[in-house]
Amino acid sequence: MPEAIPTAILETVLERMLADLTAEDDGAELERARALFHADTGAFEPGDACYEERIQFFFDWFLCEHRTADGEAPAARWLRRGAGDERDREVAQALLTSARSLYEAREGGLLVDRIGGARYRLEPSATRPGDRFDGRVLVLGDALALAPGMVFHPPQAHDALDELLLEVGAPGDLDRLPLLDGLLRVRMRLDRFTSIRPRHLYRVEALEDRDILSAGWARKDQP
């Protein structure tokens, strides 16, 4: 198996890209993107339990998925400027072609895409067998790696998450991004409503609800 670029190096390259891009406009585009990201996935602020995990995920999302007024991803704009060295540019290109999905880590470095059905074999990473997380697989030369930003669904929610996926449809038949963003909102509610069991939060009807500060629909049918 080809050797992947270590996560620490990926983080350094992404930080350099973000610094270059935010220097162009004093961070105005990043702040606009943050407002959109909060609207789609749930608002978070420094001091929240989820902050470190979410802010790294947001930075990856900004570089890959966000679109500026001209319709270009920030990573594409950075790449077009010719900044960085060869490795930096390889990482930028990998971000633009990355596969974001809900992944399940299994033994031996196997990573299963629970939405698209694909399977990947990765070198040991920040994940452990059994983990389920929203993340990105990057193709870097002949190797695969995970982008630094990952949002994990905790073990106590795995059964409810699996049941939800069965209910919404078979792998390959799902509208990936709305589902992933809906699950990020559900994950945030799990932190906020600790008295509500995961099976009452991880529900199909919850996926379209953008209000993360209320779970009235979950409370009504609790036993």
C-alpha atoms as a PDB file:
ATOM      1  CA  MET A   1       0.000   0.000   0.000  1.00  0.00           C
ATOM      2  CA  PRO A   2       1.531   3.382  -0.983  1.00  0.00           C
ATOM      3  CA  GLU A   3       2.486   5.620   1.924  1.00  0.00           C
ATOM      4  CA  ALA A   4       0.017   8.452   2.528  1.00  0.00           C
ATOM      5  CA  ILE A   5       0.935  11.998   3.488  1.00  0.00           C
ATOM      6  CA  PRO A   6       0.730  12.266   7.308  1.00  0.00           C
ATOM      7  CA  THR A   7      -2.239  14.169   8.740  1.00  0.00           C
ATOM      8  CA  ALA A   8       0.079  16.721  10.367  1.00  0.00           C
ATOM      9  CA  ILE A   9       1.503  17.661   6.957  1.00  0.00           C
ATOM     10  CA  LEU A  10      -1.981  17.901   5.454  1.00  0.00           C
ATOM     11  CA  GLU A  11      -3.013  20.227   8.286  1.00  0.00           C
ATOM     12  CA  THR A  12       0.025  22.426   7.664  1.00  0.00           C
ATOM     13  CA  VAL A  13      -0.743  22.718   3.946  1.00  0.00           C
ATOM     14  CA  LEU A  14      -4.407  23.542   4.605  1.00  0.00           C
ATOM     15  CA  GLU A  15      -3.447  26.175   7.164  1.00  0.00           C
ATOM     16  CA  ARG A  16      -1.128  27.789   4.616  1.00  0.00           C
ATOM     17  CA  MET A  17      -3.880  27.820   1.986  1.00  0.00           C
ATOM     18  CA  LEU A  18      -6.352  29.381   4.430  1.00  0.00           C
ATOM     19  CA  ALA A  19      -3.834  32.021   5.480  1.00  0.00           C
ATOM     20  CA  ASP A  20      -3.165  32.982   1.851  1.00  0.00           C
ATOM     21  CA  LEU A  21      -6.860  33.138   0.973  1.00  0.00           C
ATOM     22  CA  THR A  22      -7.967  35.124   4.021  1.00  0.00           C
ATOM     23  CA  ALA A  23      -5.122  37.597   3.539  1.00  0.00           C
ATOM     24  CA  GLU A  24      -6.633  38.582   0.182  1.00  0.00           C
ATOM     25  CA  ASP A  25      -9.758  40.139   1.740  1.00  0.00           C
ATOM     26  CA  ASP A  26      -9.064  40.175   5.508  1.00  0.00           C
ATOM     27  CA  GLY A  27     -11.233  37.079   5.920  1.00  0.00           C
ATOM     28  CA  ALA A  28     -14.449  38.539   4.474  1.00  0.00           C
ATOM     29  CA  GLU A  29     -15.139  35.532   2.239  1.00  0.00           C
ATOM     30  CA  LEU A  30     -14.382  33.134   5.103  1.00  0.00           C
ATOM     31  CA  GLU A  31     -16.938  34.901   7.294  1.00  0.00           C
ATOM     32  CA  ARG A  32     -19.546  34.791   4.533  1.00  0.00           C
ATOM     33  CA  ALA A  33     -18.873  31.086   4.148  1.00  0.00           C
ATOM     34  CA  ARG A  34     -19.153  30.530   7.904  1.00  0.00           C
ATOM     35  CA  ALA A  35     -22.656  32.054   7.929  1.00  0.00           C
ATOM     36  CA  LEU A  36     -23.722  29.728   5.127  1.00  0.00           C
ATOM     37  CA  PHE A  37     -22.142  26.724   6.817  1.00  0.00           C
ATOM     38  CA  HIS A  38     -23.909  27.525  10.097  1.00  0.00           C
ATOM     39  CA  ALA A  39     -27.237  27.794   8.271  1.00  0.00           C
ATOM     40  CA  ASP A  40     -26.741  24.400   6.610  1.00  0.00           C
ATOM     41  CA  THR A  41     -25.173  22.381   9.434  1.00  0.00           C
ATOM     42  CA  GLY A  42     -25.880  24.194  12.714  1.00  0.00           C
ATOM     43  CA  ALA A  43     -24.236  27.160  14.412  1.00  0.00           C
ATOM     44  CA  PHE A  44     -21.325  26.677  16.818  1.00  0.00           C
ATOM     45  CA  GLU A  45     -19.055  29.051  18.697  1.00  0.00           C
ATOM     46  CA  PRO A  46     -15.790  28.908  20.678  1.00  0.00           C
ATOM     47  CA  GLY A  47     -16.431  27.172  23.979  1.00  0.00           C
ATOM     48  CA  ASP A  48     -18.933  24.688  22.549  1.00  0.00           C
ATOM     49  CA  ALA A  49     -18.004  21.052  23.135  1.00  0.00           C
ATOM     50  CA  CYS A  50     -18.054  20.456  19.380  1.00  0.00           C
ATOM     51  CA  TYR A  51     -16.044  23.537  18.439  1.00  0.00           C
ATOM     52  CA  GLU A  52     -12.624  22.047  17.611  1.00  0.00           C
ATOM     53  CA  GLU A  53     -14.113  19.230  15.569  1.00  0.00           C
ATOM     54  CA  ARG A  54     -16.519  21.507  13.711  1.00  0.00           C
ATOM     55  CA  ILE A  55     -14.094  24.333  12.958  1.00  0.00           C
ATOM     56  CA  GLN A  56     -11.604  21.969  11.305  1.00  0.00           C
ATOM     57  CA  PHE A  57     -14.431  20.433   9.303  1.00  0.00           C
ATOM     58  CA  PHE A  58     -15.576  23.924   8.315  1.00  0.00           C
ATOM     59  CA  PHE A  59     -12.106  24.869   7.065  1.00  0.00           C
ATOM     60  CA  ASP A  60     -12.039  21.776   4.823  1.00  0.00           C
ATOM     61  CA  TRP A  61     -15.582  22.559   3.645  1.00  0.00           C
ATOM     62  CA  PHE A  62     -14.619  26.152   2.865  1.00  0.00           C
ATOM     63  CA  LEU A  63     -11.731  25.088   0.675  1.00  0.00           C
ATOM     64  CA  CYS A  64     -13.652  22.326  -1.145  1.00  0.00           C
ATOM     65  CA  GLU A  65     -17.384  23.040  -1.220  1.00  0.00           C
ATOM     66  CA  HIS A  66     -17.887  26.750  -0.702  1.00  0.00           C
ATOM     67  CA  ARG A  67     -18.342  28.827  -3.846  1.00  0.00           C
ATOM     68  CA  THR A  68     -17.347  32.471  -4.144  1.00  0.00           C
ATOM     69  CA  ALA A  69     -19.378  34.996  -6.126  1.00  0.00           C
ATOM     70  CA  ASP A  70     -17.710  33.822  -9.352  1.00  0.00           C
ATOM     71  CA  GLY A  71     -18.671  30.202  -8.657  1.00  0.00           C
ATOM     72  CA  GLU A  72     -15.143  29.052  -7.867  1.00  0.00           C
ATOM     73  CA  ALA A  73     -14.058  26.963  -4.881  1.00  0.00           C
ATOM     74  CA  PRO A  74     -11.413  28.732  -2.752  1.00  0.00           C
ATOM     75  CA  ALA A  75      -8.988  25.820  -3.235  1.00  0.00           C
ATOM     76  CA  ALA A  76      -9.354  26.220  -7.013  1.00  0.00           C
ATOM     77  CA  ARG A  77      -8.636  29.946  -6.777  1.00  0.00           C
ATOM     78  CA  TRP A  78      -5.564  29.267  -4.656  1.00  0.00           C
ATOM     79  CA  LEU A  79      -4.387  26.617  -7.122  1.00  0.00           C
ATOM     80  CA  ARG A  80      -4.941  28.912 -10.107  1.00  0.00           C
ATOM     81  CA  ARG A  81      -2.712  31.560  -8.513  1.00  0.00           C
ATOM     82  CA  GLY A  82       0.201  29.117  -8.603  1.00  0.00           C
ATOM     83  CA  ALA A  83       0.952  29.455  -4.896  1.00  0.00           C
ATOM     84  CA  GLY A  84       2.829  26.856  -2.880  1.00  0.00           C
ATOM     85  CA  ASP A  85       5.212  24.103  -3.898  1.00  0.00           C
ATOM     86  CA  GLU A  86       4.469  20.903  -5.790  1.00  0.00           C
ATOM     87  CA  ARG A  87       3.203  19.041  -2.734  1.00  0.00           C
ATOM     88  CA  ASP A  88       0.949  21.943  -1.756  1.00  0.00           C
ATOM     89  CA  ARG A  89      -0.584  21.982  -5.210  1.00  0.00           C
ATOM     90  CA  GLU A  90      -1.081  18.215  -5.107  1.00  0.00           C
ATOM     91  CA  VAL A  91      -3.012  18.592  -1.841  1.00  0.00           C
ATOM     92  CA  ALA A  92      -5.117  21.443  -3.281  1.00  0.00           C
ATOM     93  CA  GLN A  93      -6.037  19.328  -6.304  1.00  0.00           C
ATOM     94  CA  ALA A  94      -6.889  16.390  -4.039  1.00  0.00           C
ATOM     95  CA  LEU A  95      -9.219  18.600  -2.007  1.00  0.00           C
ATOM     96  CA  LEU A  96     -11.091  19.639  -5.137  1.00  0.00           C
ATOM     97  CA  THR A  97     -11.668  16.016  -6.155  1.00  0.00           C
ATOM     98  CA  SER A  98     -12.204  14.654  -2.638  1.00  0.00           C
ATOM     99  CA  ALA A  99     -15.039  12.252  -1.847  1.00  0.00           C
ATOM    100  CA  ARG A 100     -17.094  13.538   1.087  1.00  0.00           C
ATOM    101  CA  SER A 101     -19.398  10.967   2.632  1.00  0.00           C
ATOM    102  CA  LEU A 102     -20.462   9.179   5.789  1.00  0.00           C
ATOM    103  CA  TYR A 103     -17.762   6.584   6.389  1.00  0.00           C
ATOM    104  CA  GLU A 104     -17.462   3.574   8.645  1.00  0.00           C
ATOM    105  CA  ALA A 105     -13.981   2.443   9.680  1.00  0.00           C
ATOM    106  CA  ARG A 106     -13.383  -1.291   9.894  1.00  0.00           C
ATOM    107  CA  GLU A 107     -10.464  -3.567  10.704  1.00  0.00           C
ATOM    108  CA  GLY A 108      -7.336  -3.530   8.578  1.00  0.00           C
ATOM    109  CA  GLY A 109      -7.681   0.054   7.376  1.00  0.00           C
ATOM    110  CA  LEU A 110     -10.912  -0.653   5.466  1.00  0.00           C
ATOM    111  CA  LEU A 111     -13.172   2.362   5.046  1.00  0.00           C
ATOM    112  CA  VAL A 112     -16.759   1.847   3.854  1.00  0.00           C
ATOM    113  CA  ASP A 113     -18.789   4.629   2.269  1.00  0.00           C
ATOM    114  CA  ARG A 114     -22.212   4.167   3.885  1.00  0.00           C
ATOM    115  CA  ILE A 115     -23.946   6.342   1.282  1.00  0.00           C
ATOM    116  CA  GLY A 116     -22.222   5.551  -2.000  1.00  0.00           C
ATOM    117  CA  GLY A 117     -21.174   1.992  -1.186  1.00  0.00           C
ATOM    118  CA  ALA A 118     -17.488   2.415  -2.142  1.00  0.00           C
ATOM    119  CA  ARG A 119     -14.712   0.763  -0.137  1.00  0.00           C
ATOM    120  CA  TYR A 120     -11.233   2.144   0.443  1.00  0.00           C
ATOM    121  CA  ARG A 121      -8.100   0.751   2.035  1.00  0.00           C
ATOM    122  CA  LEU A 122      -6.120   3.339   4.011  1.00  0.00           C
ATOM    123  CA  GLU A 123      -3.056   3.375   6.172  1.00  0.00           C
ATOM    124  CA  PRO A 124      -3.851   3.627   9.921  1.00  0.00           C
ATOM    125  CA  SER A 125      -5.246   7.073  10.656  1.00  0.00           C
ATOM    126  CA  ALA A 126      -7.134   9.011  13.304  1.00  0.00           C
ATOM    127  CA  THR A 127     -10.023   6.556  13.072  1.00  0.00           C
ATOM    128  CA  ARG A 128     -10.660   3.304  14.905  1.00  0.00           C
ATOM    129  CA  PRO A 129     -12.671   0.253  13.787  1.00  0.00           C
ATOM    130  CA  GLY A 130     -16.336   0.990  14.343  1.00  0.00           C
ATOM    131  CA  ASP A 131     -16.062   4.764  13.945  1.00  0.00           C
ATOM    132  CA  ARG A 132     -18.712   6.472  11.831  1.00  0.00           C
ATOM    133  CA  PHE A 133     -17.935   9.963  10.613  1.00  0.00           C
ATOM    134  CA  ASP A 134     -18.545  12.630   7.995  1.00  0.00           C
ATOM    135  CA  GLY A 135     -15.220  13.149   6.245  1.00  0.00           C
ATOM    136  CA  ARG A 136     -13.302  13.299   2.962  1.00  0.00           C
ATOM    137  CA  VAL A 137     -11.105  10.782   1.190  1.00  0.00           C
ATOM    138  CA  LEU A 138      -8.253  12.399  -0.732  1.00  0.00           C
ATOM    139  CA  VAL A 139      -6.343  10.838  -3.612  1.00  0.00           C
ATOM    140  CA  LEU A 140      -2.697  11.906  -3.342  1.00  0.00           C
ATOM    141  CA  GLY A 141      -0.657  10.295  -6.064  1.00  0.00           C
ATOM    142  CA  ASP A 142      -0.942   6.530  -5.556  1.00  0.00           C
ATOM    143  CA  ALA A 143      -2.076   6.874  -1.935  1.00  0.00           C
ATOM    144  CA  LEU A 144      -5.312   7.673  -0.125  1.00  0.00           C
ATOM    145  CA  ALA A 145      -5.680   9.863   2.938  1.00  0.00           C
ATOM    146  CA  LEU A 146      -8.384  11.405   5.077  1.00  0.00           C
ATOM    147  CA  ALA A 147      -8.755  15.168   5.242  1.00  0.00           C
ATOM    148  CA  PRO A 148      -8.178  16.490   8.777  1.00  0.00           C
ATOM    149  CA  GLY A 149     -11.776  17.658   9.299  1.00  0.00           C
ATOM    150  CA  MET A 150     -14.037  14.832  10.504  1.00  0.00           C
ATOM    151  CA  VAL A 151     -17.279  14.918  12.507  1.00  0.00           C
ATOM    152  CA  PHE A 152     -17.850  11.683  14.412  1.00  0.00           C
ATOM    153  CA  HIS A 153     -21.169  10.156  15.371  1.00  0.00           C
ATOM    154  CA  PRO A 154     -20.648   8.620  18.853  1.00  0.00           C
ATOM    155  CA  PRO A 155     -21.042   4.873  19.517  1.00  0.00           C
ATOM    156  CA  GLN A 156     -24.318   5.333  21.413  1.00  0.00           C
ATOM    157  CA  ALA A 157     -25.866   6.722  18.214  1.00  0.00           C
ATOM    158  CA  HIS A 158     -24.614   4.055  15.803  1.00  0.00           C
ATOM    159  CA  ASP A 159     -27.665   1.777  15.959  1.00  0.00           C
ATOM    160  CA  ALA A 160     -30.022   4.712  15.400  1.00  0.00           C
ATOM    161  CA  LEU A 161     -27.832   6.001  12.572  1.00  0.00           C
ATOM    162  CA  ASP A 162     -27.807   2.603  10.867  1.00  0.00           C
ATOM    163  CA  GLU A 163     -31.605   2.387  11.106  1.00  0.00           C
ATOM    164  CA  LEU A 164     -31.949   5.882   9.636  1.00  0.00           C
ATOM    165  CA  LEU A 165     -29.748   4.960   6.670  1.00  0.00           C
ATOM    166  CA  LEU A 166     -31.837   1.869   6.014  1.00  0.00           C
ATOM    167  CA  GLU A 167     -34.977   3.970   6.026  1.00  0.00           C
ATOM    168  CA  VAL A 168     -33.777   6.723   3.690  1.00  0.00           C
ATOM    169  CA  GLY A 169     -32.639   4.369   0.925  1.00  0.00           C
ATOM    170  CA  ALA A 170     -30.045   2.055  -0.530  1.00  0.00           C
ATOM    171  CA  PRO A 171     -26.429   3.140  -1.088  1.00  0.00           C
ATOM    172  CA  GLY A 172     -26.052   5.079  -4.304  1.00  0.00           C
ATOM    173  CA  ASP A 173     -29.687   6.221  -4.344  1.00  0.00           C
ATOM    174  CA  LEU A 174     -29.307   9.083  -1.891  1.00  0.00           C
ATOM    175  CA  ASP A 175     -28.868  12.822  -2.361  1.00  0.00           C
ATOM    176  CA  ARG A 176     -25.533  12.955  -0.595  1.00  0.00           C
ATOM    177  CA  LEU A 177     -24.950  16.550   0.543  1.00  0.00           C
ATOM    178  CA  PRO A 178     -28.423  17.307   1.990  1.00  0.00           C
ATOM    179  CA  LEU A 179     -28.261  14.009   3.879  1.00  0.00           C
ATOM    180  CA  LEU A 180     -24.784  14.715   5.239  1.00  0.00           C
ATOM    181  CA  ASP A 181     -25.671  18.260   6.277  1.00  0.00           C
ATOM    182  CA  GLY A 182     -28.877  17.009   7.913  1.00  0.00           C
ATOM    183  CA  LEU A 183     -26.876  14.443   9.871  1.00  0.00           C
ATOM    184  CA  LEU A 184     -24.492  17.170  11.049  1.00  0.00           C
ATOM    185  CA  ARG A 185     -27.481  19.046  12.497  1.00  0.00           C
ATOM    186  CA  VAL A 186     -28.727  15.846  14.126  1.00  0.00           C
ATOM    187  CA  ARG A 187     -25.279  15.257  15.619  1.00  0.00           C
ATOM    188  CA  MET A 188     -25.317  18.747  17.134  1.00  0.00           C
ATOM    189  CA  ARG A 189     -28.743  18.158  18.693  1.00  0.00           C
ATOM    190  CA  LEU A 190     -27.340  15.041  20.354  1.00  0.00           C
ATOM    191  CA  ASP A 191     -24.881  17.281  22.224  1.00  0.00           C
ATOM    192  CA  ARG A 192     -27.559  19.816  23.141  1.00  0.00           C
ATOM    193  CA  PHE A 193     -30.366  17.468  24.214  1.00  0.00           C
ATOM    194  CA  THR A 194     -28.587  14.932  26.390  1.00  0.00           C
ATOM    195  CA  SER A 195     -31.814  13.684  27.977  1.00  0.00           C
ATOM    196  CA  ILE A 196     -33.210  12.534  24.613  1.00  0.00           C
ATOM    197  CA  ARG A 197     -32.166   9.113  23.375  1.00  0.00           C
ATOM    198  CA  PRO A 198     -30.329   8.974  20.036  1.00  0.00           C
ATOM    199  CA  ARG A 199     -33.115   6.961  18.386  1.00  0.00           C
ATOM    200  CA  HIS A 200     -35.461   9.917  18.914  1.00  0.00           C
ATOM    201  CA  LEU A 201     -33.007  12.330  17.267  1.00  0.00           C
ATOM    202  CA  TYR A 202     -31.613  10.239  14.413  1.00  0.00           C
ATOM    203  CA  ARG A 203     -34.854  10.173  12.454  1.00  0.00           C
ATOM    204  CA  VAL A 204     -35.687  10.832   8.814  1.00  0.00           C
ATOM    205  CA  GLU A 205     -38.026  13.719   9.655  1.00  0.00           C
ATOM    206  CA  ALA A 206     -35.189  15.396  11.563  1.00  0.00           C
ATOM    207  CA  LEU A 207     -32.976  15.639   8.491  1.00  0.00           C
ATOM    208  CA  GLU A 208     -34.843  18.597   6.979  1.00  0.00           C
ATOM    209  CA  ASP A 209     -35.268  20.483  10.259  1.00  0.00           C
ATOM    210  CA  ARG A 210     -32.736  23.334  10.369  1.00  0.00           C
ATOM    211  CA  ASP A 211     -33.505  24.365  13.960  1.00  0.00           C
ATOM    212  CA  ILE A 212     -30.845  22.801  16.183  1.00  0.00           C
ATOM    213  CA  LEU A 213     -32.120  24.594  19.296  1.00  0.00           C
ATOM    214  CA  SER A 214     -35.402  22.704  19.412  1.00  0.00           C
ATOM    215  CA  ALA A 215     -36.245  19.010  19.437  1.00  0.00           C
ATOM    216  CA  GLY A 216     -39.927  19.251  20.200  1.00  0.00           C
ATOM    217  CA  TRP A 217     -40.775  16.742  17.470  1.00  0.00           C
ATOM    218  CA  ALA A 218     -38.503  14.235  19.243  1.00  0.00           C
ATOM    219  CA  ARG A 219     -39.919  14.815  22.711  1.00  0.00           C
ATOM    220  CA  LYS A 220     -43.520  14.222  21.671  1.00  0.00           C
ATOM    221  CA  ASP A 221     -43.131  10.529  20.950  1.00  0.00           C
ATOM    222  CA  GLN A 222     -40.695   9.496  23.650  1.00  0.00           C
ATOM    223  CA  PRO A 223     -41.934   6.493  25.680  1.00  0.00           C
END
